[in-house]
């Protein structure tokens, strides 16, 4: 779990850096110093760009728009403008981090169409055999022409796949023994790839909530604020995503529920 611990530490450091940058950004904005304002925002953007890249590439792979129609840099450029024009809307530095993700999500929502449920996937998730799961994994790892994606493309597409762990999916105390057994039998990389593949097949809202919870490590109340959902809606989306991933893991690797 060392990788996950390091990731958690890095997320906390990033959030602290964003919050601590707020007062400096306000001062630079008040001074009309746009070059230095943008230079400071630029230090924030690599982490945000990873999030944007993951959202866009999933939409592209699902066929919602072509690979060249939108790029992460397009969203980031617009986000620079949004931050400079609207940063005064943030009342306290502790709110800046969530506000940043909220504005990012709003820009993404403008171009990502909410896809319909893949009814076939959901209706048959209990019945897929291991070979069928393996074939699905292979299809997920190739592009539309059947060519294997380059490693860097996979890293872009599943920008946070190395951060998914069983602890994001199995949370009940009575599931600890099951977690230990799966963790012993299946490599961390295989688990990560499987979770990423299942997430790819989930509706955008469900996938987005799970990723904000697991990879961005946001509280449910914070996710509700970012997405303009009620807390109950976020809880339902997260629980549904976890249940689907649980069922898929248990069925693919022949574990009893």
C-alpha atoms as a PDB file:
ATOM      1  CA  UNK A   1       0.000   0.000   0.000  1.00  0.00           C
ATOM      2  CA  UNK A   2       3.059   2.271  -0.036  1.00  0.00           C
ATOM      3  CA  UNK A   3       2.166   3.740  -3.419  1.00  0.00           C
ATOM      4  CA  UNK A   4      -1.298   4.648  -2.184  1.00  0.00           C
ATOM      5  CA  UNK A   5       0.111   6.227   0.979  1.00  0.00           C
ATOM      6  CA  UNK A   6       2.521   8.309  -1.091  1.00  0.00           C
ATOM      7  CA  UNK A   7      -0.306   9.337  -3.400  1.00  0.00           C
ATOM      8  CA  UNK A   8      -2.436  10.391  -0.430  1.00  0.00           C
ATOM      9  CA  UNK A   9       0.435  12.441   0.959  1.00  0.00           C
ATOM     10  CA  UNK A  10       0.988  14.105  -2.414  1.00  0.00           C
ATOM     11  CA  UNK A  11      -2.694  14.998  -2.720  1.00  0.00           C
ATOM     12  CA  UNK A  12      -2.665  16.635   0.690  1.00  0.00           C
ATOM     13  CA  UNK A  13       0.472  18.579  -0.223  1.00  0.00           C
ATOM     14  CA  UNK A  14      -1.084  19.691  -3.508  1.00  0.00           C
ATOM     15  CA  UNK A  15      -4.274  20.826  -1.793  1.00  0.00           C
ATOM     16  CA  UNK A  16      -2.246  22.785   0.767  1.00  0.00           C
ATOM     17  CA  UNK A  17      -0.187  24.387  -2.008  1.00  0.00           C
ATOM     18  CA  UNK A  18      -3.341  25.460  -3.850  1.00  0.00           C
ATOM     19  CA  UNK A  19      -4.851  26.952  -0.689  1.00  0.00           C
ATOM     20  CA  UNK A  20      -1.630  28.745   0.227  1.00  0.00           C
ATOM     21  CA  UNK A  21      -1.422  30.241  -3.271  1.00  0.00           C
ATOM     22  CA  UNK A  22      -4.781  31.965  -2.981  1.00  0.00           C
ATOM     23  CA  UNK A  23      -3.731  35.134  -1.158  1.00  0.00           C
ATOM     24  CA  UNK A  24      -0.759  35.602  -3.482  1.00  0.00           C
ATOM     25  CA  UNK A  25      -3.042  35.244  -6.489  1.00  0.00           C
ATOM     26  CA  UNK A  26      -5.476  37.800  -5.086  1.00  0.00           C
ATOM     27  CA  UNK A  27      -2.636  40.246  -4.480  1.00  0.00           C
ATOM     28  CA  UNK A  28      -1.254  39.762  -7.992  1.00  0.00           C
ATOM     29  CA  UNK A  29      -4.721  40.226  -9.459  1.00  0.00           C
ATOM     30  CA  UNK A  30      -5.229  43.440  -7.476  1.00  0.00           C
ATOM     31  CA  UNK A  31      -1.872  44.703  -8.710  1.00  0.00           C
ATOM     32  CA  UNK A  32      -2.803  43.889 -12.304  1.00  0.00           C
ATOM     33  CA  UNK A  33       0.245  41.632 -12.558  1.00  0.00           C
ATOM     34  CA  UNK A  34      -1.203  39.083 -14.969  1.00  0.00           C
ATOM     35  CA  UNK A  35       2.154  37.546 -16.036  1.00  0.00           C
ATOM     36  CA  UNK A  36       3.115  36.591 -12.478  1.00  0.00           C
ATOM     37  CA  UNK A  37      -0.492  35.615 -11.732  1.00  0.00           C
ATOM     38  CA  UNK A  38      -0.394  33.164 -14.631  1.00  0.00           C
ATOM     39  CA  UNK A  39       3.058  31.947 -13.632  1.00  0.00           C
ATOM     40  CA  UNK A  40       1.720  30.954 -10.208  1.00  0.00           C
ATOM     41  CA  UNK A  41      -1.394  29.340 -11.686  1.00  0.00           C
ATOM     42  CA  UNK A  42       0.885  27.413 -14.027  1.00  0.00           C
ATOM     43  CA  UNK A  43       2.417  25.662 -11.004  1.00  0.00           C
ATOM     44  CA  UNK A  44      -1.062  24.426 -10.041  1.00  0.00           C
ATOM     45  CA  UNK A  45      -2.058  23.180 -13.474  1.00  0.00           C
ATOM     46  CA  UNK A  46      -0.121  19.898 -13.924  1.00  0.00           C
ATOM     47  CA  UNK A  47      -2.340  18.072 -11.407  1.00  0.00           C
ATOM     48  CA  UNK A  48      -5.496  19.635 -12.827  1.00  0.00           C
ATOM     49  CA  UNK A  49      -4.402  18.690 -16.337  1.00  0.00           C
ATOM     50  CA  UNK A  50      -4.091  15.035 -15.309  1.00  0.00           C
ATOM     51  CA  UNK A  51      -7.698  15.124 -14.142  1.00  0.00           C
ATOM     52  CA  UNK A  52      -8.873  16.847 -17.336  1.00  0.00           C
ATOM     53  CA  UNK A  53      -6.919  14.432 -19.530  1.00  0.00           C
ATOM     54  CA  UNK A  54      -8.534  11.429 -17.892  1.00  0.00           C
ATOM     55  CA  UNK A  55     -12.047  12.805 -18.353  1.00  0.00           C
ATOM     56  CA  UNK A  56     -11.477  13.792 -21.992  1.00  0.00           C
ATOM     57  CA  UNK A  57      -9.770  10.577 -23.043  1.00  0.00           C
ATOM     58  CA  UNK A  58     -12.549   8.426 -21.636  1.00  0.00           C
ATOM     59  CA  UNK A  59     -15.086  10.471 -23.603  1.00  0.00           C
ATOM     60  CA  UNK A  60     -12.952  10.165 -26.740  1.00  0.00           C
ATOM     61  CA  UNK A  61     -12.600   6.395 -26.370  1.00  0.00           C
ATOM     62  CA  UNK A  62     -16.357   6.146 -25.857  1.00  0.00           C
ATOM     63  CA  UNK A  63     -16.799   7.913 -29.187  1.00  0.00           C
ATOM     64  CA  UNK A  64     -18.406  11.137 -27.989  1.00  0.00           C
ATOM     65  CA  UNK A  65     -16.033  13.235 -30.094  1.00  0.00           C
ATOM     66  CA  UNK A  66     -12.915  12.769 -32.165  1.00  0.00           C
ATOM     67  CA  UNK A  67      -9.429  12.639 -30.694  1.00  0.00           C
ATOM     68  CA  UNK A  68      -8.476  16.007 -32.182  1.00  0.00           C
ATOM     69  CA  UNK A  69     -11.662  17.936 -31.430  1.00  0.00           C
ATOM     70  CA  UNK A  70     -10.756  18.817 -27.840  1.00  0.00           C
ATOM     71  CA  UNK A  71      -7.459  18.644 -26.000  1.00  0.00           C
ATOM     72  CA  UNK A  72      -6.643  19.064 -22.338  1.00  0.00           C
ATOM     73  CA  UNK A  73      -4.708  22.234 -23.147  1.00  0.00           C
ATOM     74  CA  UNK A  74      -7.909  23.797 -24.524  1.00  0.00           C
ATOM     75  CA  UNK A  75      -9.614  23.302 -21.161  1.00  0.00           C
ATOM     76  CA  UNK A  76      -6.559  24.475 -19.240  1.00  0.00           C
ATOM     77  CA  UNK A  77      -6.310  27.656 -21.349  1.00  0.00           C
ATOM     78  CA  UNK A  78      -9.949  28.417 -20.633  1.00  0.00           C
ATOM     79  CA  UNK A  79      -9.420  27.662 -16.956  1.00  0.00           C
ATOM     80  CA  UNK A  80      -6.621  30.259 -16.801  1.00  0.00           C
ATOM     81  CA  UNK A  81      -9.091  32.873 -18.018  1.00  0.00           C
ATOM     82  CA  UNK A  82     -11.814  31.672 -15.654  1.00  0.00           C
ATOM     83  CA  UNK A  83      -9.517  31.859 -12.646  1.00  0.00           C
ATOM     84  CA  UNK A  84      -8.230  35.333 -13.479  1.00  0.00           C
ATOM     85  CA  UNK A  85     -11.685  36.739 -14.205  1.00  0.00           C
ATOM     86  CA  UNK A  86     -13.507  35.156 -11.268  1.00  0.00           C
ATOM     87  CA  UNK A  87     -11.087  34.466  -8.427  1.00  0.00           C
ATOM     88  CA  UNK A  88     -12.694  37.219  -6.346  1.00  0.00           C
ATOM     89  CA  UNK A  89     -15.761  34.988  -6.088  1.00  0.00           C
ATOM     90  CA  UNK A  90     -13.794  32.808  -3.662  1.00  0.00           C
ATOM     91  CA  UNK A  91     -14.327  34.143  -0.147  1.00  0.00           C
ATOM     92  CA  UNK A  92     -11.722  32.132   1.782  1.00  0.00           C
ATOM     93  CA  UNK A  93      -8.480  30.444   0.828  1.00  0.00           C
ATOM     94  CA  UNK A  94      -9.760  27.120   2.189  1.00  0.00           C
ATOM     95  CA  UNK A  95     -12.479  27.217  -0.486  1.00  0.00           C
ATOM     96  CA  UNK A  96     -10.117  27.790  -3.418  1.00  0.00           C
ATOM     97  CA  UNK A  97      -9.262  24.128  -4.017  1.00  0.00           C
ATOM     98  CA  UNK A  98     -12.887  23.009  -4.358  1.00  0.00           C
ATOM     99  CA  UNK A  99     -13.746  26.091  -6.406  1.00  0.00           C
ATOM    100  CA  UNK A 100     -10.948  25.178  -8.810  1.00  0.00           C
ATOM    101  CA  UNK A 101     -12.332  21.672  -9.335  1.00  0.00           C
ATOM    102  CA  UNK A 102     -15.856  23.029  -9.621  1.00  0.00           C
ATOM    103  CA  UNK A 103     -14.831  25.396 -12.428  1.00  0.00           C
ATOM    104  CA  UNK A 104     -12.884  22.591 -14.121  1.00  0.00           C
ATOM    105  CA  UNK A 105     -15.912  20.306 -13.965  1.00  0.00           C
ATOM    106  CA  UNK A 106     -18.137  23.031 -15.394  1.00  0.00           C
ATOM    107  CA  UNK A 107     -15.818  23.407 -18.397  1.00  0.00           C
ATOM    108  CA  UNK A 108     -15.768  19.653 -18.901  1.00  0.00           C
ATOM    109  CA  UNK A 109     -19.543  19.376 -18.572  1.00  0.00           C
ATOM    110  CA  UNK A 110     -19.915  21.849 -21.421  1.00  0.00           C
ATOM    111  CA  UNK A 111     -18.283  19.424 -23.860  1.00  0.00           C
ATOM    112  CA  UNK A 112     -18.829  15.936 -22.407  1.00  0.00           C
ATOM    113  CA  UNK A 113     -22.301  14.675 -23.154  1.00  0.00           C
ATOM    114  CA  UNK A 114     -23.852  12.571 -20.409  1.00  0.00           C
ATOM    115  CA  UNK A 115     -23.836   9.095 -21.899  1.00  0.00           C
ATOM    116  CA  UNK A 116     -26.621   6.596 -21.411  1.00  0.00           C
ATOM    117  CA  UNK A 117     -26.200   3.493 -19.322  1.00  0.00           C
ATOM    118  CA  UNK A 118     -24.690   0.581 -21.174  1.00  0.00           C
ATOM    119  CA  UNK A 119     -27.670  -1.635 -20.431  1.00  0.00           C
ATOM    120  CA  UNK A 120     -26.028  -4.753 -21.834  1.00  0.00           C
ATOM    121  CA  UNK A 121     -23.004  -4.301 -19.581  1.00  0.00           C
ATOM    122  CA  UNK A 122     -25.126  -3.789 -16.477  1.00  0.00           C
ATOM    123  CA  UNK A 123     -27.618  -6.575 -17.211  1.00  0.00           C
ATOM    124  CA  UNK A 124     -24.894  -9.127 -17.836  1.00  0.00           C
ATOM    125  CA  UNK A 125     -22.309  -8.170 -15.235  1.00  0.00           C
ATOM    126  CA  UNK A 126     -23.250 -11.191 -13.095  1.00  0.00           C
ATOM    127  CA  UNK A 127     -22.915 -13.558 -16.028  1.00  0.00           C
ATOM    128  CA  UNK A 128     -19.615 -12.641 -17.666  1.00  0.00           C
ATOM    129  CA  UNK A 129     -17.142 -15.510 -17.656  1.00  0.00           C
ATOM    130  CA  UNK A 130     -13.455 -14.987 -16.993  1.00  0.00           C
ATOM    131  CA  UNK A 131     -12.620 -15.308 -20.724  1.00  0.00           C
ATOM    132  CA  UNK A 132     -15.248 -12.664 -21.464  1.00  0.00           C
ATOM    133  CA  UNK A 133     -13.734 -10.358 -18.852  1.00  0.00           C
ATOM    134  CA  UNK A 134     -10.284 -10.973 -20.322  1.00  0.00           C
ATOM    135  CA  UNK A 135     -11.546 -10.154 -23.801  1.00  0.00           C
ATOM    136  CA  UNK A 136     -13.155  -6.982 -22.497  1.00  0.00           C
ATOM    137  CA  UNK A 137      -9.832  -6.024 -20.887  1.00  0.00           C
ATOM    138  CA  UNK A 138      -8.025  -6.618 -24.180  1.00  0.00           C
ATOM    139  CA  UNK A 139     -10.534  -4.485 -26.094  1.00  0.00           C
ATOM    140  CA  UNK A 140     -10.207  -1.740 -23.496  1.00  0.00           C
ATOM    141  CA  UNK A 141      -6.437  -1.740 -24.001  1.00  0.00           C
ATOM    142  CA  UNK A 142      -6.608  -1.296 -27.769  1.00  0.00           C
ATOM    143  CA  UNK A 143      -7.680   1.549 -29.987  1.00  0.00           C
ATOM    144  CA  UNK A 144     -10.541   1.429 -32.482  1.00  0.00           C
ATOM    145  CA  UNK A 145      -8.348  -0.201 -35.129  1.00  0.00           C
ATOM    146  CA  UNK A 146      -7.309  -3.026 -32.853  1.00  0.00           C
ATOM    147  CA  UNK A 147      -3.772  -1.728 -32.367  1.00  0.00           C
ATOM    148  CA  UNK A 148      -2.311  -1.887 -28.895  1.00  0.00           C
ATOM    149  CA  UNK A 149      -2.151   1.532 -27.322  1.00  0.00           C
ATOM    150  CA  UNK A 150       1.251   2.845 -26.368  1.00  0.00           C
ATOM    151  CA  UNK A 151       2.025   2.821 -22.666  1.00  0.00           C
ATOM    152  CA  UNK A 152       2.001   6.625 -22.489  1.00  0.00           C
ATOM    153  CA  UNK A 153      -1.435   6.665 -24.130  1.00  0.00           C
ATOM    154  CA  UNK A 154      -2.717   4.211 -21.543  1.00  0.00           C
ATOM    155  CA  UNK A 155      -1.265   6.364 -18.810  1.00  0.00           C
ATOM    156  CA  UNK A 156      -3.074   9.353 -20.280  1.00  0.00           C
ATOM    157  CA  UNK A 157      -6.341   7.518 -20.785  1.00  0.00           C
ATOM    158  CA  UNK A 158      -6.359   6.038 -17.317  1.00  0.00           C
ATOM    159  CA  UNK A 159      -4.512   8.925 -15.795  1.00  0.00           C
ATOM    160  CA  UNK A 160      -5.024   7.747 -12.244  1.00  0.00           C
ATOM    161  CA  UNK A 161      -5.292   3.983 -12.695  1.00  0.00           C
ATOM    162  CA  UNK A 162      -2.279   3.364 -10.458  1.00  0.00           C
ATOM    163  CA  UNK A 163      -4.146   4.991  -7.612  1.00  0.00           C
ATOM    164  CA  UNK A 164      -7.093   2.579  -7.504  1.00  0.00           C
ATOM    165  CA  UNK A 165      -6.944   0.078  -4.634  1.00  0.00           C
ATOM    166  CA  UNK A 166      -9.275  -2.496  -3.137  1.00  0.00           C
ATOM    167  CA  UNK A 167      -9.791  -0.145  -0.202  1.00  0.00           C
ATOM    168  CA  UNK A 168     -11.632   2.210  -2.544  1.00  0.00           C
ATOM    169  CA  UNK A 169     -14.092  -0.554  -3.381  1.00  0.00           C
ATOM    170  CA  UNK A 170     -14.467  -2.792  -0.308  1.00  0.00           C
ATOM    171  CA  UNK A 171     -15.107  -0.736   2.802  1.00  0.00           C
ATOM    172  CA  UNK A 172     -17.119  -2.924   5.189  1.00  0.00           C
ATOM    173  CA  UNK A 173     -15.348  -4.428   8.200  1.00  0.00           C
ATOM    174  CA  UNK A 174     -16.594  -7.901   7.247  1.00  0.00           C
ATOM    175  CA  UNK A 175     -14.823  -7.594   3.888  1.00  0.00           C
ATOM    176  CA  UNK A 176     -11.300  -7.265   5.303  1.00  0.00           C
ATOM    177  CA  UNK A 177     -10.535 -10.985   4.940  1.00  0.00           C
ATOM    178  CA  UNK A 178     -11.754 -10.859   1.340  1.00  0.00           C
ATOM    179  CA  UNK A 179      -9.547  -7.859   0.598  1.00  0.00           C
ATOM    180  CA  UNK A 180      -6.516  -9.683   1.983  1.00  0.00           C
ATOM    181  CA  UNK A 181      -7.272 -12.794  -0.114  1.00  0.00           C
ATOM    182  CA  UNK A 182      -7.757 -10.836  -3.359  1.00  0.00           C
ATOM    183  CA  UNK A 183      -4.694  -8.715  -2.613  1.00  0.00           C
ATOM    184  CA  UNK A 184      -2.650 -11.906  -2.143  1.00  0.00           C
ATOM    185  CA  UNK A 185      -3.965 -13.683  -5.249  1.00  0.00           C
ATOM    186  CA  UNK A 186      -4.058 -10.809  -7.762  1.00  0.00           C
ATOM    187  CA  UNK A 187      -1.309  -8.313  -8.522  1.00  0.00           C
ATOM    188  CA  UNK A 188      -1.871  -4.642  -7.750  1.00  0.00           C
ATOM    189  CA  UNK A 189      -1.404  -3.826 -11.428  1.00  0.00           C
ATOM    190  CA  UNK A 190      -4.079  -6.323 -12.470  1.00  0.00           C
ATOM    191  CA  UNK A 191      -6.505  -4.926  -9.895  1.00  0.00           C
ATOM    192  CA  UNK A 192      -5.829  -1.379 -11.046  1.00  0.00           C
ATOM    193  CA  UNK A 193      -6.365  -2.252 -14.701  1.00  0.00           C
ATOM    194  CA  UNK A 194      -9.598  -4.079 -13.944  1.00  0.00           C
ATOM    195  CA  UNK A 195     -11.039  -1.196 -11.924  1.00  0.00           C
ATOM    196  CA  UNK A 196     -10.066   1.282 -14.644  1.00  0.00           C
ATOM    197  CA  UNK A 197     -11.760  -0.872 -17.280  1.00  0.00           C
ATOM    198  CA  UNK A 198     -15.000  -1.179 -15.307  1.00  0.00           C
ATOM    199  CA  UNK A 199     -15.008   2.557 -14.593  1.00  0.00           C
ATOM    200  CA  UNK A 200     -14.667   3.164 -18.316  1.00  0.00           C
ATOM    201  CA  UNK A 201     -18.007   1.388 -18.826  1.00  0.00           C
ATOM    202  CA  UNK A 202     -19.848   3.371 -16.152  1.00  0.00           C
ATOM    203  CA  UNK A 203     -21.947   6.467 -16.865  1.00  0.00           C
ATOM    204  CA  UNK A 204     -20.045   9.741 -16.620  1.00  0.00           C
ATOM    205  CA  UNK A 205     -21.716  10.888 -13.401  1.00  0.00           C
ATOM    206  CA  UNK A 206     -20.971   7.620 -11.599  1.00  0.00           C
ATOM    207  CA  UNK A 207     -17.401   7.452 -12.885  1.00  0.00           C
ATOM    208  CA  UNK A 208     -16.759  11.096 -12.030  1.00  0.00           C
ATOM    209  CA  UNK A 209     -17.952  10.711  -8.436  1.00  0.00           C
ATOM    210  CA  UNK A 210     -15.819   7.591  -7.926  1.00  0.00           C
ATOM    211  CA  UNK A 211     -12.724   9.284  -9.326  1.00  0.00           C
ATOM    212  CA  UNK A 212     -13.192  12.445  -7.269  1.00  0.00           C
ATOM    213  CA  UNK A 213     -13.587  10.254  -4.190  1.00  0.00           C
ATOM    214  CA  UNK A 214     -10.759   7.786  -4.825  1.00  0.00           C
ATOM    215  CA  UNK A 215      -8.150   9.652  -6.864  1.00  0.00           C
ATOM    216  CA  UNK A 216      -8.730  13.225  -5.734  1.00  0.00           C
ATOM    217  CA  UNK A 217      -9.575  12.065  -2.199  1.00  0.00           C
ATOM    218  CA  UNK A 218     -12.449  14.490  -1.729  1.00  0.00           C
ATOM    219  CA  UNK A 219     -15.149  14.123   0.897  1.00  0.00           C
ATOM    220  CA  UNK A 220     -18.669  13.330  -0.292  1.00  0.00           C
ATOM    221  CA  UNK A 221     -19.887  16.769   0.819  1.00  0.00           C
ATOM    222  CA  UNK A 222     -17.121  18.345  -1.280  1.00  0.00           C
ATOM    223  CA  UNK A 223     -18.001  16.248  -4.318  1.00  0.00           C
ATOM    224  CA  UNK A 224     -21.636  17.295  -3.980  1.00  0.00           C
ATOM    225  CA  UNK A 225     -20.510  20.927  -3.943  1.00  0.00           C
ATOM    226  CA  UNK A 226     -18.304  20.503  -7.008  1.00  0.00           C
ATOM    227  CA  UNK A 227     -20.959  18.655  -9.014  1.00  0.00           C
ATOM    228  CA  UNK A 228     -24.004  20.617  -7.817  1.00  0.00           C
ATOM    229  CA  UNK A 229     -25.535  17.396  -6.506  1.00  0.00           C
ATOM    230  CA  UNK A 230     -27.177  16.650  -3.210  1.00  0.00           C
ATOM    231  CA  UNK A 231     -25.197  14.597  -0.714  1.00  0.00           C
ATOM    232  CA  UNK A 232     -27.719  11.779  -1.161  1.00  0.00           C
ATOM    233  CA  UNK A 233     -27.188  11.753  -4.932  1.00  0.00           C
ATOM    234  CA  UNK A 234     -23.412  11.545  -4.526  1.00  0.00           C
ATOM    235  CA  UNK A 235     -23.708   8.744  -1.965  1.00  0.00           C
ATOM    236  CA  UNK A 236     -25.958   6.777  -4.304  1.00  0.00           C
ATOM    237  CA  UNK A 237     -23.649   7.219  -7.298  1.00  0.00           C
ATOM    238  CA  UNK A 238     -20.583   6.200  -5.294  1.00  0.00           C
ATOM    239  CA  UNK A 239     -22.286   3.177  -3.737  1.00  0.00           C
ATOM    240  CA  UNK A 240     -23.523   2.001  -7.138  1.00  0.00           C
ATOM    241  CA  UNK A 241     -20.051   2.337  -8.636  1.00  0.00           C
ATOM    242  CA  UNK A 242     -18.474   0.413  -5.750  1.00  0.00           C
ATOM    243  CA  UNK A 243     -21.084  -2.345  -5.959  1.00  0.00           C
ATOM    244  CA  UNK A 244     -20.545  -2.808  -9.695  1.00  0.00           C
ATOM    245  CA  UNK A 245     -16.758  -2.973  -9.275  1.00  0.00           C
ATOM    246  CA  UNK A 246     -17.134  -5.411  -6.372  1.00  0.00           C
ATOM    247  CA  UNK A 247     -19.379  -7.733  -8.365  1.00  0.00           C
ATOM    248  CA  UNK A 248     -17.068  -7.592 -11.372  1.00  0.00           C
ATOM    249  CA  UNK A 249     -13.992  -8.470  -9.316  1.00  0.00           C
ATOM    250  CA  UNK A 250     -15.700 -11.285  -7.445  1.00  0.00           C
ATOM    251  CA  UNK A 251     -17.117 -12.805 -10.611  1.00  0.00           C
ATOM    252  CA  UNK A 252     -14.045 -12.412 -12.805  1.00  0.00           C
ATOM    253  CA  UNK A 253     -11.682 -13.950 -10.290  1.00  0.00           C
ATOM    254  CA  UNK A 254     -14.165 -16.561  -8.986  1.00  0.00           C
ATOM    255  CA  UNK A 255     -14.585 -15.355  -5.443  1.00  0.00           C
ATOM    256  CA  UNK A 256     -17.753 -16.135  -3.526  1.00  0.00           C
ATOM    257  CA  UNK A 257     -19.782 -13.114  -2.376  1.00  0.00           C
END
